Amino acid sequence: MDWKSLLLNRFSLTVGVLVLGAGLWNAYVSVNDDGRISGRVVDQTGQPVVGATVALSRKTVSSVDSVAETQTGSSGEFSFVDHGQYALLLSATKADAEAPRRTYQLWFRNQNLVLDEPLVLLP
């Protein structure tokens, strides 16, 4: 049997594709595992909310445990670093307004997350 037919048979190609896929996935994870979460908090009219408290919580099978809190900046932005979670909850509050809690299921521990939609405070 020659080398060309050995390398180009369906079994060798299948193993090669699996190895390549695993390598690409591991490269993606290593670039995106800083645990950065960022987003914005706005009011019902879409205006940024300064000084809102954003809470990051860990979701387990039987409980919700607080992990960290931060305050929003001048344009309603917030961020967390090195959260270390697989499943998390985000919520925001200010005075008598609260944003509904959102659940995020991540593909891997400490995955970076940028919120597509802002957290909206409701009275």
PDB file of N, CA and C in Angstrom:
ATOM      1  N   MET A   1       0.851  -1.175   0.000  1.00  0.00           N
ATOM      2  CA  MET A   1       0.000   0.000   0.000  1.00  0.00           C
ATOM      3  C   MET A   1       0.897   1.238   0.000  1.00  0.00           C
ATOM      4  N   ASP A   2       0.599   2.195  -0.855  1.00  0.00           N
ATOM      5  CA  ASP A   2       1.431   3.406  -0.932  1.00  0.00           C
ATOM      6  C   ASP A   2       0.939   4.474   0.049  1.00  0.00           C
ATOM      7  N   TRP A   3       1.774   5.467   0.287  1.00  0.00           N
ATOM      8  CA  TRP A   3       1.475   6.527   1.265  1.00  0.00           C
ATOM      9  C   TRP A   3       0.272   7.370   0.857  1.00  0.00           C
ATOM     10  N   LYS A   4       0.120   7.642  -0.407  1.00  0.00           N
ATOM     11  CA  LYS A   4      -0.986   8.489  -0.881  1.00  0.00           C
ATOM     12  C   LYS A   4      -2.337   7.857  -0.561  1.00  0.00           C
ATOM     13  N   SER A   5      -2.500   6.593  -0.855  1.00  0.00           N
ATOM     14  CA  SER A   5      -3.775   5.935  -0.569  1.00  0.00           C
ATOM     15  C   SER A   5      -3.993   5.778   0.934  1.00  0.00           C
ATOM     16  N   LEU A   6      -2.914   5.637   1.697  1.00  0.00           N
ATOM     17  CA  LEU A   6      -3.028   5.531   3.152  1.00  0.00           C
ATOM     18  C   LEU A   6      -3.505   6.850   3.768  1.00  0.00           C
ATOM     19  N   LEU A   7      -2.977   7.971   3.290  1.00  0.00           N
ATOM     20  CA  LEU A   7      -3.343   9.277   3.841  1.00  0.00           C
ATOM     21  C   LEU A   7      -4.692   9.774   3.358  1.00  0.00           C
ATOM     22  N   LEU A   8      -5.118   9.382   2.181  1.00  0.00           N
ATOM     23  CA  LEU A   8      -6.354   9.912   1.614  1.00  0.00           C
ATOM     24  C   LEU A   8      -7.543   8.964   1.737  1.00  0.00           C
ATOM     25  N   ASN A   9      -7.440   7.949   2.567  1.00  0.00           N
ATOM     26  CA  ASN A   9      -8.617   7.096   2.756  1.00  0.00           C
ATOM     27  C   ASN A   9      -9.573   7.756   3.756  1.00  0.00           C
ATOM     28  N   ARG A  10     -10.799   7.318   3.794  1.00  0.00           N
ATOM     29  CA  ARG A  10     -11.833   7.990   4.603  1.00  0.00           C
ATOM     30  C   ARG A  10     -11.545   7.931   6.097  1.00  0.00           C
ATOM     31  N   PHE A  11     -10.887   6.900   6.563  1.00  0.00           N
ATOM     32  CA  PHE A  11     -10.596   6.791   7.990  1.00  0.00           C
ATOM     33  C   PHE A  11      -9.531   7.815   8.405  1.00  0.00           C
ATOM     34  N   SER A  12      -8.496   7.942   7.620  1.00  0.00           N
ATOM     35  CA  SER A  12      -7.451   8.930   7.923  1.00  0.00           C
ATOM     36  C   SER A  12      -7.999  10.345   7.835  1.00  0.00           C
ATOM     37  N   LEU A  13      -8.829  10.603   6.835  1.00  0.00           N
ATOM     38  CA  LEU A  13      -9.423  11.935   6.699  1.00  0.00           C
ATOM     39  C   LEU A  13     -10.353  12.260   7.860  1.00  0.00           C
ATOM     40  N   THR A  14     -11.123  11.282   8.313  1.00  0.00           N
ATOM     41  CA  THR A  14     -12.027  11.503   9.447  1.00  0.00           C
ATOM     42  C   THR A  14     -11.233  11.859  10.707  1.00  0.00           C
ATOM     43  N   VAL A  15     -10.208  11.100  10.989  1.00  0.00           N
ATOM     44  CA  VAL A  15      -9.368  11.381  12.163  1.00  0.00           C
ATOM     45  C   VAL A  15      -8.711  12.746  12.018  1.00  0.00           C
ATOM     46  N   GLY A  16      -8.230  13.074  10.829  1.00  0.00           N
ATOM     47  CA  GLY A  16      -7.610  14.378  10.598  1.00  0.00           C
ATOM     48  C   GLY A  16      -8.563  15.531  10.834  1.00  0.00           C
ATOM     49  N   VAL A  17      -9.814  15.397  10.361  1.00  0.00           N
ATOM     50  CA  VAL A  17     -10.810  16.450  10.567  1.00  0.00           C
ATOM     51  C   VAL A  17     -11.137  16.594  12.055  1.00  0.00           C
ATOM     52  N   LEU A  18     -11.257  15.489  12.774  1.00  0.00           N
ATOM     53  CA  LEU A  18     -11.529  15.553  14.217  1.00  0.00           C
ATOM     54  C   LEU A  18     -10.386  16.223  14.982  1.00  0.00           C
ATOM     55  N   VAL A  19      -9.167  15.886  14.646  1.00  0.00           N
ATOM     56  CA  VAL A  19      -7.998  16.498  15.304  1.00  0.00           C
ATOM     57  C   VAL A  19      -7.943  17.989  14.997  1.00  0.00           C
ATOM     58  N   LEU A  20      -8.194  18.354  13.747  1.00  0.00           N
ATOM     59  CA  LEU A  20      -8.201  19.771  13.368  1.00  0.00           C
ATOM     60  C   LEU A  20      -9.301  20.528  14.105  1.00  0.00           C
ATOM     61  N   GLY A  21     -10.499  19.944  14.183  1.00  0.00           N
ATOM     62  CA  GLY A  21     -11.608  20.585  14.895  1.00  0.00           C
ATOM     63  C   GLY A  21     -11.299  20.796  16.368  1.00  0.00           C
ATOM     64  N   ALA A  22     -10.730  19.770  17.009  1.00  0.00           N
ATOM     65  CA  ALA A  22     -10.370  19.887  18.425  1.00  0.00           C
ATOM     66  C   ALA A  22      -9.295  20.956  18.631  1.00  0.00           C
ATOM     67  N   GLY A  23      -8.347  21.019  17.729  1.00  0.00           N
ATOM     68  CA  GLY A  23      -7.300  22.042  17.830  1.00  0.00           C
ATOM     69  C   GLY A  23      -7.852  23.449  17.675  1.00  0.00           C
ATOM     70  N   LEU A  24      -8.754  23.643  16.711  1.00  0.00           N
ATOM     71  CA  LEU A  24      -9.364  24.964  16.514  1.00  0.00           C
ATOM     72  C   LEU A  24     -10.221  25.364  17.714  1.00  0.00           C
ATOM     73  N   TRP A  25     -10.992  24.413  18.263  1.00  0.00           N
ATOM     74  CA  TRP A  25     -11.816  24.711  19.443  1.00  0.00           C
ATOM     75  C   TRP A  25     -10.935  25.126  20.616  1.00  0.00           C
ATOM     76  N   ASN A  26      -9.852  24.400  20.866  1.00  0.00           N
ATOM     77  CA  ASN A  26      -8.958  24.743  21.973  1.00  0.00           C
ATOM     78  C   ASN A  26      -8.291  26.098  21.759  1.00  0.00           C
ATOM     79  N   ALA A  27      -7.965  26.441  20.521  1.00  0.00           N
ATOM     80  CA  ALA A  27      -7.400  27.763  20.235  1.00  0.00           C
ATOM     81  C   ALA A  27      -8.427  28.845  20.528  1.00  0.00           C
ATOM     82  N   TYR A  28      -9.687  28.633  20.137  1.00  0.00           N
ATOM     83  CA  TYR A  28     -10.758  29.599  20.406  1.00  0.00           C
ATOM     84  C   TYR A  28     -10.947  29.790  21.911  1.00  0.00           C
ATOM     85  N   VAL A  29     -10.991  28.694  22.639  1.00  0.00           N
ATOM     86  CA  VAL A  29     -11.179  28.778  24.093  1.00  0.00           C
ATOM     87  C   VAL A  29     -10.025  29.539  24.742  1.00  0.00           C
ATOM     88  N   SER A  30      -8.802  29.274  24.335  1.00  0.00           N
ATOM     89  CA  SER A  30      -7.651  29.932  24.971  1.00  0.00           C
ATOM     90  C   SER A  30      -7.636  31.437  24.723  1.00  0.00           C
ATOM     91  N   VAL A  31      -8.247  31.899  23.639  1.00  0.00           N
ATOM     92  CA  VAL A  31      -8.307  33.332  23.341  1.00  0.00           C
ATOM     93  C   VAL A  31      -9.491  34.000  24.043  1.00  0.00           C
ATOM     94  N   ASN A  32     -10.533  33.239  24.382  1.00  0.00           N
ATOM     95  CA  ASN A  32     -11.776  33.806  24.925  1.00  0.00           C
ATOM     96  C   ASN A  32     -12.106  33.332  26.331  1.00  0.00           C
ATOM     97  N   ASP A  33     -11.114  33.039  27.156  1.00  0.00           N
ATOM     98  CA  ASP A  33     -11.403  32.555  28.507  1.00  0.00           C
ATOM     99  C   ASP A  33     -10.876  33.489  29.601  1.00  0.00           C
ATOM    100  N   ASP A  34     -10.991  34.789  29.389  1.00  0.00           N
ATOM    101  CA  ASP A  34     -10.544  35.764  30.390  1.00  0.00           C
ATOM    102  C   ASP A  34     -11.624  36.063  31.425  1.00  0.00           C
ATOM    103  N   GLY A  35     -12.841  35.594  31.197  1.00  0.00           N
ATOM    104  CA  GLY A  35     -13.925  35.829  32.140  1.00  0.00           C
ATOM    105  C   GLY A  35     -14.449  37.249  32.116  1.00  0.00           C
ATOM    106  N   ARG A  36     -14.310  37.931  30.974  1.00  0.00           N
ATOM    107  CA  ARG A  36     -14.807  39.312  30.869  1.00  0.00           C
ATOM    108  C   ARG A  36     -16.286  39.305  30.494  1.00  0.00           C
ATOM    109  N   ILE A  37     -17.064  40.029  31.268  1.00  0.00           N
ATOM    110  CA  ILE A  37     -18.471  40.250  30.961  1.00  0.00           C
ATOM    111  C   ILE A  37     -18.659  41.755  30.894  1.00  0.00           C
ATOM    112  N   SER A  38     -19.276  42.229  29.826  1.00  0.00           N
ATOM    113  CA  SER A  38     -19.513  43.665  29.715  1.00  0.00           C
ATOM    114  C   SER A  38     -20.879  43.905  29.091  1.00  0.00           C
ATOM    115  N   GLY A  39     -21.438  45.045  29.434  1.00  0.00           N
ATOM    116  CA  GLY A  39     -22.742  45.415  28.911  1.00  0.00           C
ATOM    117  C   GLY A  39     -23.112  46.811  29.365  1.00  0.00           C
ATOM    118  N   ARG A  40     -24.395  47.138  29.186  1.00  0.00           N
ATOM    119  CA  ARG A  40     -24.895  48.460  29.570  1.00  0.00           C
ATOM    120  C   ARG A  40     -26.219  48.313  30.300  1.00  0.00           C
ATOM    121  N   VAL A  41     -26.541  49.329  31.074  1.00  0.00           N
ATOM    122  CA  VAL A  41     -27.837  49.413  31.734  1.00  0.00           C
ATOM    123  C   VAL A  41     -28.506  50.694  31.258  1.00  0.00           C
ATOM    124  N   VAL A  42     -29.755  50.580  30.816  1.00  0.00           N
ATOM    125  CA  VAL A  42     -30.510  51.737  30.331  1.00  0.00           C
ATOM    126  C   VAL A  42     -31.876  51.771  31.010  1.00  0.00           C
ATOM    127  N   ASP A  43     -32.540  52.942  30.915  1.00  0.00           N
ATOM    128  CA  ASP A  43     -33.913  53.037  31.421  1.00  0.00           C
ATOM    129  C   ASP A  43     -34.887  52.671  30.296  1.00  0.00           C
ATOM    130  N   GLN A  44     -36.183  52.821  30.556  1.00  0.00           N
ATOM    131  CA  GLN A  44     -37.196  52.432  29.569  1.00  0.00           C
ATOM    132  C   GLN A  44     -37.119  53.235  28.278  1.00  0.00           C
ATOM    133  N   THR A  45     -36.567  54.444  28.342  1.00  0.00           N
ATOM    134  CA  THR A  45     -36.464  55.274  27.144  1.00  0.00           C
ATOM    135  C   THR A  45     -35.158  55.047  26.384  1.00  0.00           C
ATOM    136  N   GLY A  46     -34.295  54.166  26.918  1.00  0.00           N
ATOM    137  CA  GLY A  46     -33.026  53.870  26.258  1.00  0.00           C
ATOM    138  C   GLY A  46     -31.870  54.738  26.699  1.00  0.00           C
ATOM    139  N   GLN A  47     -32.093  55.595  27.699  1.00  0.00           N
ATOM    140  CA  GLN A  47     -31.025  56.453  28.214  1.00  0.00           C
ATOM    141  C   GLN A  47     -30.148  55.680  29.195  1.00  0.00           C
ATOM    142  N   PRO A  48     -28.830  55.893  29.167  1.00  0.00           N
ATOM    143  CA  PRO A  48     -27.930  55.184  30.090  1.00  0.00           C
ATOM    144  C   PRO A  48     -28.251  55.520  31.547  1.00  0.00           C
ATOM    145  N   VAL A  49     -28.099  54.548  32.420  1.00  0.00           N
ATOM    146  CA  VAL A  49     -28.334  54.732  33.844  1.00  0.00           C
ATOM    147  C   VAL A  49     -26.984  54.729  34.550  1.00  0.00           C
ATOM    148  N   VAL A  50     -26.649  55.848  35.173  1.00  0.00           N
ATOM    149  CA  VAL A  50     -25.391  55.993  35.901  1.00  0.00           C
ATOM    150  C   VAL A  50     -25.610  55.553  37.347  1.00  0.00           C
ATOM    151  N   GLY A  51     -24.676  54.785  37.886  1.00  0.00           N
ATOM    152  CA  GLY A  51     -24.733  54.408  39.298  1.00  0.00           C
ATOM    153  C   GLY A  51     -25.666  53.263  39.623  1.00  0.00           C
ATOM    154  N   ALA A  52     -26.106  52.500  38.643  1.00  0.00           N
ATOM    155  CA  ALA A  52     -26.934  51.320  38.920  1.00  0.00           C
ATOM    156  C   ALA A  52     -26.030  50.202  39.438  1.00  0.00           C
ATOM    157  N   THR A  53     -26.561  49.365  40.292  1.00  0.00           N
ATOM    158  CA  THR A  53     -25.821  48.219  40.811  1.00  0.00           C
ATOM    159  C   THR A  53     -26.131  47.011  39.943  1.00  0.00           C
ATOM    160  N   VAL A  54     -25.083  46.426  39.384  1.00  0.00           N
ATOM    161  CA  VAL A  54     -25.236  45.220  38.569  1.00  0.00           C
ATOM    162  C   VAL A  54     -24.681  44.054  39.378  1.00  0.00           C
ATOM    163  N   ALA A  55     -25.503  43.019  39.548  1.00  0.00           N
ATOM    164  CA  ALA A  55     -25.114  41.851  40.341  1.00  0.00           C
ATOM    165  C   ALA A  55     -24.870  40.655  39.427  1.00  0.00           C
ATOM    166  N   LEU A  56     -23.760  39.987  39.648  1.00  0.00           N
ATOM    167  CA  LEU A  56     -23.415  38.753  38.948  1.00  0.00           C
ATOM    168  C   LEU A  56     -23.588  37.613  39.941  1.00  0.00           C
ATOM    169  N   SER A  57     -24.399  36.622  39.571  1.00  0.00           N
ATOM    170  CA  SER A  57     -24.658  35.487  40.453  1.00  0.00           C
ATOM    171  C   SER A  57     -24.368  34.181  39.743  1.00  0.00           C
ATOM    172  N   ARG A  58     -24.052  33.177  40.531  1.00  0.00           N
ATOM    173  CA  ARG A  58     -23.789  31.826  40.032  1.00  0.00           C
ATOM    174  C   ARG A  58     -25.084  31.027  40.142  1.00  0.00           C
ATOM    175  N   LYS A  59     -25.432  30.349  39.076  1.00  0.00           N
ATOM    176  CA  LYS A  59     -26.636  29.520  39.080  1.00  0.00           C
ATOM    177  C   LYS A  59     -26.224  28.062  39.210  1.00  0.00           C
ATOM    178  N   THR A  60     -26.705  27.414  40.267  1.00  0.00           N
ATOM    179  CA  THR A  60     -26.459  25.988  40.447  1.00  0.00           C
ATOM    180  C   THR A  60     -27.791  25.260  40.343  1.00  0.00           C
ATOM    181  N   VAL A  61     -27.765  23.967  40.526  1.00  0.00           N
ATOM    182  CA  VAL A  61     -28.991  23.173  40.426  1.00  0.00           C
ATOM    183  C   VAL A  61     -29.998  23.595  41.487  1.00  0.00           C
ATOM    184  N   SER A  62     -29.527  23.890  42.681  1.00  0.00           N
ATOM    185  CA  SER A  62     -30.455  24.150  43.771  1.00  0.00           C
ATOM    186  C   SER A  62     -30.438  25.574  44.327  1.00  0.00           C
ATOM    187  N   SER A  63     -29.533  26.435  43.853  1.00  0.00           N
ATOM    188  CA  SER A  63     -29.464  27.768  44.448  1.00  0.00           C
ATOM    189  C   SER A  63     -28.888  28.799  43.490  1.00  0.00           C
ATOM    190  N   VAL A  64     -28.969  30.041  43.936  1.00  0.00           N
ATOM    191  CA  VAL A  64     -28.342  31.162  43.241  1.00  0.00           C
ATOM    192  C   VAL A  64     -27.451  31.859  44.262  1.00  0.00           C
ATOM    193  N   ASP A  65     -26.143  31.890  43.985  1.00  0.00           N
ATOM    194  CA  ASP A  65     -25.172  32.475  44.909  1.00  0.00           C
ATOM    195  C   ASP A  65     -24.553  33.719  44.295  1.00  0.00           C
ATOM    196  N   SER A  66     -24.456  34.782  45.082  1.00  0.00           N
ATOM    197  CA  SER A  66     -23.849  36.022  44.612  1.00  0.00           C
ATOM    198  C   SER A  66     -22.345  35.828  44.399  1.00  0.00           C
ATOM    199  N   VAL A  67     -21.840  36.342  43.265  1.00  0.00           N
ATOM    200  CA  VAL A  67     -20.419  36.242  42.949  1.00  0.00           C
ATOM    201  C   VAL A  67     -19.748  37.612  43.059  1.00  0.00           C
ATOM    202  N   ALA A  68     -20.373  38.649  42.448  1.00  0.00           N
ATOM    203  CA  ALA A  68     -19.766  39.980  42.454  1.00  0.00           C
ATOM    204  C   ALA A  68     -20.824  41.028  42.137  1.00  0.00           C
ATOM    205  N   GLU A  69     -20.523  42.273  42.504  1.00  0.00           N
ATOM    206  CA  GLU A  69     -21.364  43.420  42.169  1.00  0.00           C
ATOM    207  C   GLU A  69     -20.470  44.544  41.672  1.00  0.00           C
ATOM    208  N   THR A  70     -21.048  45.398  40.814  1.00  0.00           N
ATOM    209  CA  THR A  70     -20.336  46.565  40.327  1.00  0.00           C
ATOM    210  C   THR A  70     -21.337  47.675  40.064  1.00  0.00           C
ATOM    211  N   GLN A  71     -20.829  48.884  39.884  1.00  0.00           N
ATOM    212  CA  GLN A  71     -21.668  50.041  39.579  1.00  0.00           C
ATOM    213  C   GLN A  71     -21.468  50.429  38.117  1.00  0.00           C
ATOM    214  N   THR A  72     -22.523  50.937  37.497  1.00  0.00           N
ATOM    215  CA  THR A  72     -22.403  51.386  36.105  1.00  0.00           C
ATOM    216  C   THR A  72     -21.686  52.727  36.054  1.00  0.00           C
ATOM    217  N   GLY A  73     -21.008  52.954  34.920  1.00  0.00           N
ATOM    218  CA  GLY A  73     -20.265  54.187  34.715  1.00  0.00           C
ATOM    219  C   GLY A  73     -21.109  55.274  34.078  1.00  0.00           C
ATOM    220  N   SER A  74     -20.446  56.279  33.535  1.00  0.00           N
ATOM    221  CA  SER A  74     -21.117  57.474  33.005  1.00  0.00           C
ATOM    222  C   SER A  74     -21.992  57.208  31.782  1.00  0.00           C
ATOM    223  N   SER A  75     -21.712  56.147  31.041  1.00  0.00           N
ATOM    224  CA  SER A  75     -22.564  55.824  29.890  1.00  0.00           C
ATOM    225  C   SER A  75     -23.364  54.555  30.140  1.00  0.00           C
ATOM    226  N   GLY A  76     -23.545  54.198  31.406  1.00  0.00           N
ATOM    227  CA  GLY A  76     -24.341  53.032  31.773  1.00  0.00           C
ATOM    228  C   GLY A  76     -23.612  51.710  31.605  1.00  0.00           C
ATOM    229  N   GLU A  77     -22.307  51.760  31.322  1.00  0.00           N
ATOM    230  CA  GLU A  77     -21.558  50.533  31.065  1.00  0.00           C
ATOM    231  C   GLU A  77     -21.108  49.865  32.362  1.00  0.00           C
ATOM    232  N   PHE A  78     -20.950  48.549  32.298  1.00  0.00           N
ATOM    233  CA  PHE A  78     -20.421  47.786  33.430  1.00  0.00           C
ATOM    234  C   PHE A  78     -19.549  46.665  32.882  1.00  0.00           C
ATOM    235  N   SER A  79     -18.698  46.135  33.748  1.00  0.00           N
ATOM    236  CA  SER A  79     -17.888  44.981  33.349  1.00  0.00           C
ATOM    237  C   SER A  79     -17.452  44.202  34.588  1.00  0.00           C
ATOM    238  N   PHE A  80     -17.258  42.914  34.377  1.00  0.00           N
ATOM    239  CA  PHE A  80     -16.705  42.010  35.380  1.00  0.00           C
ATOM    240  C   PHE A  80     -15.521  41.308  34.724  1.00  0.00           C
ATOM    241  N   VAL A  81     -14.541  40.914  35.535  1.00  0.00           N
ATOM    242  CA  VAL A  81     -13.374  40.208  35.013  1.00  0.00           C
ATOM    243  C   VAL A  81     -13.171  38.939  35.826  1.00  0.00           C
ATOM    244  N   ASP A  82     -12.833  37.846  35.138  1.00  0.00           N
ATOM    245  CA  ASP A  82     -12.503  36.567  35.759  1.00  0.00           C
ATOM    246  C   ASP A  82     -13.646  36.021  36.615  1.00  0.00           C
ATOM    247  N   HIS A  83     -14.810  35.872  35.992  1.00  0.00           N
ATOM    248  CA  HIS A  83     -15.990  35.396  36.721  1.00  0.00           C
ATOM    249  C   HIS A  83     -15.925  33.913  37.058  1.00  0.00           C
ATOM    250  N   GLY A  84     -15.285  33.085  36.248  1.00  0.00           N
ATOM    251  CA  GLY A  84     -15.070  31.678  36.567  1.00  0.00           C
ATOM    252  C   GLY A  84     -16.308  30.805  36.587  1.00  0.00           C
ATOM    253  N   GLN A  85     -17.335  31.138  35.831  1.00  0.00           N
ATOM    254  CA  GLN A  85     -18.600  30.406  35.879  1.00  0.00           C
ATOM    255  C   GLN A  85     -18.958  29.755  34.545  1.00  0.00           C
ATOM    256  N   TYR A  86     -19.879  28.776  34.610  1.00  0.00           N
ATOM    257  CA  TYR A  86     -20.469  28.147  33.426  1.00  0.00           C
ATOM    258  C   TYR A  86     -21.863  28.687  33.175  1.00  0.00           C
ATOM    259  N   ALA A  87     -22.611  28.893  34.253  1.00  0.00           N
ATOM    260  CA  ALA A  87     -23.978  29.399  34.161  1.00  0.00           C
ATOM    261  C   ALA A  87     -24.077  30.573  35.120  1.00  0.00           C
ATOM    262  N   LEU A  88     -24.575  31.699  34.634  1.00  0.00           N
ATOM    263  CA  LEU A  88     -24.617  32.876  35.486  1.00  0.00           C
ATOM    264  C   LEU A  88     -25.898  33.668  35.272  1.00  0.00           C
ATOM    265  N   LEU A  89     -26.164  34.527  36.229  1.00  0.00           N
ATOM    266  CA  LEU A  89     -27.321  35.417  36.198  1.00  0.00           C
ATOM    267  C   LEU A  89     -26.834  36.844  36.347  1.00  0.00           C
ATOM    268  N   LEU A  90     -27.449  37.756  35.604  1.00  0.00           N
ATOM    269  CA  LEU A  90     -27.157  39.178  35.739  1.00  0.00           C
ATOM    270  C   LEU A  90     -28.443  39.909  36.072  1.00  0.00           C
ATOM    271  N   SER A  91     -28.350  40.854  36.987  1.00  0.00           N
ATOM    272  CA  SER A  91     -29.491  41.707  37.310  1.00  0.00           C
ATOM    273  C   SER A  91     -28.964  43.100  37.642  1.00  0.00           C
ATOM    274  N   ALA A  92     -29.836  44.094  37.501  1.00  0.00           N
ATOM    275  CA  ALA A  92     -29.445  45.470  37.790  1.00  0.00           C
ATOM    276  C   ALA A  92     -30.550  46.144  38.595  1.00  0.00           C
ATOM    277  N   THR A  93     -30.154  47.020  39.533  1.00  0.00           N
ATOM    278  CA  THR A  93     -31.112  47.772  40.339  1.00  0.00           C
ATOM    279  C   THR A  93     -30.605  49.195  40.554  1.00  0.00           C
ATOM    280  N   LYS A  94     -31.551  50.093  40.740  1.00  0.00           N
ATOM    281  CA  LYS A  94     -31.231  51.459  41.154  1.00  0.00           C
ATOM    282  C   LYS A  94     -32.497  52.045  41.747  1.00  0.00           C
ATOM    283  N   ALA A  95     -32.381  52.504  42.971  1.00  0.00           N
ATOM    284  CA  ALA A  95     -33.514  53.077  43.707  1.00  0.00           C
ATOM    285  C   ALA A  95     -34.691  52.096  43.670  1.00  0.00           C
ATOM    286  N   ASP A  96     -35.807  52.493  43.071  1.00  0.00           N
ATOM    287  CA  ASP A  96     -36.980  51.613  43.041  1.00  0.00           C
ATOM    288  C   ASP A  96     -37.183  50.962  41.671  1.00  0.00           C
ATOM    289  N   ALA A  97     -36.145  50.938  40.846  1.00  0.00           N
ATOM    290  CA  ALA A  97     -36.223  50.302  39.523  1.00  0.00           C
ATOM    291  C   ALA A  97     -35.331  49.061  39.502  1.00  0.00           C
ATOM    292  N   GLU A  98     -35.753  48.074  38.727  1.00  0.00           N
ATOM    293  CA  GLU A  98     -35.001  46.826  38.644  1.00  0.00           C
ATOM    294  C   GLU A  98     -35.109  46.247  37.239  1.00  0.00           C
ATOM    295  N   ALA A  99     -34.014  45.678  36.763  1.00  0.00           N
ATOM    296  CA  ALA A  99     -34.019  44.977  35.473  1.00  0.00           C
ATOM    297  C   ALA A  99     -34.316  43.506  35.747  1.00  0.00           C
ATOM    298  N   PRO A 100     -35.160  42.891  34.943  1.00  0.00           N
ATOM    299  CA  PRO A 100     -35.419  41.458  35.123  1.00  0.00           C
ATOM    300  C   PRO A 100     -34.111  40.667  35.042  1.00  0.00           C
ATOM    301  N   ARG A 101     -34.005  39.676  35.899  1.00  0.00           N
ATOM    302  CA  ARG A 101     -32.797  38.850  35.940  1.00  0.00           C
ATOM    303  C   ARG A 101     -32.666  38.054  34.639  1.00  0.00           C
ATOM    304  N   ARG A 102     -31.458  38.022  34.096  1.00  0.00           N
ATOM    305  CA  ARG A 102     -31.188  37.263  32.862  1.00  0.00           C
ATOM    306  C   ARG A 102     -30.235  36.123  33.146  1.00  0.00           C
ATOM    307  N   THR A 103     -30.533  34.984  32.558  1.00  0.00           N
ATOM    308  CA  THR A 103     -29.693  33.793  32.702  1.00  0.00           C
ATOM    309  C   THR A 103     -28.856  33.603  31.444  1.00  0.00           C
ATOM    310  N   TYR A 104     -27.591  33.269  31.632  1.00  0.00           N
ATOM    311  CA  TYR A 104     -26.685  32.993  30.516  1.00  0.00           C
ATOM    312  C   TYR A 104     -26.016  31.649  30.749  1.00  0.00           C
ATOM    313  N   GLN A 105     -26.127  30.760  29.794  1.00  0.00           N
ATOM    314  CA  GLN A 105     -25.445  29.462  29.832  1.00  0.00           C
ATOM    315  C   GLN A 105     -24.255  29.554  28.886  1.00  0.00           C
ATOM    316  N   LEU A 106     -23.062  29.386  29.414  1.00  0.00           N
ATOM    317  CA  LEU A 106     -21.845  29.538  28.621  1.00  0.00           C
ATOM    318  C   LEU A 106     -21.344  28.182  28.127  1.00  0.00           C
ATOM    319  N   TRP A 107     -20.572  28.185  27.055  1.00  0.00           N
ATOM    320  CA  TRP A 107     -20.034  26.956  26.485  1.00  0.00           C
ATOM    321  C   TRP A 107     -18.881  26.403  27.295  1.00  0.00           C
ATOM    322  N   PHE A 108     -18.114  27.294  27.958  1.00  0.00           N
ATOM    323  CA  PHE A 108     -16.990  26.838  28.754  1.00  0.00           C
ATOM    324  C   PHE A 108     -16.772  27.800  29.909  1.00  0.00           C
ATOM    325  N   ARG A 109     -16.088  27.300  30.954  1.00  0.00           N
ATOM    326  CA  ARG A 109     -15.849  28.077  32.169  1.00  0.00           C
ATOM    327  C   ARG A 109     -15.039  29.327  31.841  1.00  0.00           C
ATOM    328  N   ASN A 110     -15.465  30.439  32.421  1.00  0.00           N
ATOM    329  CA  ASN A 110     -14.755  31.716  32.297  1.00  0.00           C
ATOM    330  C   ASN A 110     -14.838  32.313  30.886  1.00  0.00           C
ATOM    331  N   GLN A 111     -15.850  31.918  30.124  1.00  0.00           N
ATOM    332  CA  GLN A 111     -16.028  32.432  28.763  1.00  0.00           C
ATOM    333  C   GLN A 111     -16.331  33.924  28.789  1.00  0.00           C
ATOM    334  N   ASN A 112     -15.747  34.670  27.855  1.00  0.00           N
ATOM    335  CA  ASN A 112     -16.041  36.095  27.723  1.00  0.00           C
ATOM    336  C   ASN A 112     -17.454  36.258  27.204  1.00  0.00           C
ATOM    337  N   LEU A 113     -18.120  37.343  27.627  1.00  0.00           N
ATOM    338  CA  LEU A 113     -19.492  37.603  27.216  1.00  0.00           C
ATOM    339  C   LEU A 113     -19.694  39.103  27.082  1.00  0.00           C
ATOM    340  N   VAL A 114     -20.159  39.528  25.919  1.00  0.00           N
ATOM    341  CA  VAL A 114     -20.556  40.905  25.694  1.00  0.00           C
ATOM    342  C   VAL A 114     -22.061  40.875  25.420  1.00  0.00           C
ATOM    343  N   LEU A 115     -22.833  41.572  26.251  1.00  0.00           N
ATOM    344  CA  LEU A 115     -24.283  41.537  26.109  1.00  0.00           C
ATOM    345  C   LEU A 115     -24.721  42.221  24.819  1.00  0.00           C
ATOM    346  N   ASP A 116     -25.517  41.531  24.035  1.00  0.00           N
ATOM    347  CA  ASP A 116     -26.050  42.116  22.798  1.00  0.00           C
ATOM    348  C   ASP A 116     -27.078  43.200  23.092  1.00  0.00           C
ATOM    349  N   GLU A 117     -27.894  42.963  24.099  1.00  0.00           N
ATOM    350  CA  GLU A 117     -28.945  43.906  24.484  1.00  0.00           C
ATOM    351  C   GLU A 117     -28.673  44.410  25.891  1.00  0.00           C
ATOM    352  N   PRO A 118     -28.932  45.690  26.151  1.00  0.00           N
ATOM    353  CA  PRO A 118     -28.689  46.219  27.491  1.00  0.00           C
ATOM    354  C   PRO A 118     -29.707  45.695  28.501  1.00  0.00           C
ATOM    355  N   LEU A 119     -29.339  45.766  29.774  1.00  0.00           N
ATOM    356  CA  LEU A 119     -30.286  45.492  30.843  1.00  0.00           C
ATOM    357  C   LEU A 119     -31.170  46.725  30.987  1.00  0.00           C
ATOM    358  N   VAL A 120     -32.469  46.551  30.967  1.00  0.00           N
ATOM    359  CA  VAL A 120     -33.403  47.685  31.001  1.00  0.00           C
ATOM    360  C   VAL A 120     -34.067  47.745  32.380  1.00  0.00           C
ATOM    361  N   LEU A 121     -33.881  48.890  33.063  1.00  0.00           N
ATOM    362  CA  LEU A 121     -34.509  49.082  34.372  1.00  0.00           C
ATOM    363  C   LEU A 121     -35.981  49.416  34.198  1.00  0.00           C
ATOM    364  N   LEU A 122     -36.819  48.699  34.946  1.00  0.00           N
ATOM    365  CA  LEU A 122     -38.258  48.934  34.938  1.00  0.00           C
ATOM    366  C   LEU A 122     -38.701  49.352  36.324  1.00  0.00           C
ATOM    367  N   PRO A 123     -39.663  50.261  36.419  1.00  0.00           N
ATOM    368  CA  PRO A 123     -40.129  50.703  37.749  1.00  0.00           C
ATOM    369  C   PRO A 123     -40.861  49.587  38.497  1.00  0.00           C
TER     370      PRO A 123
END
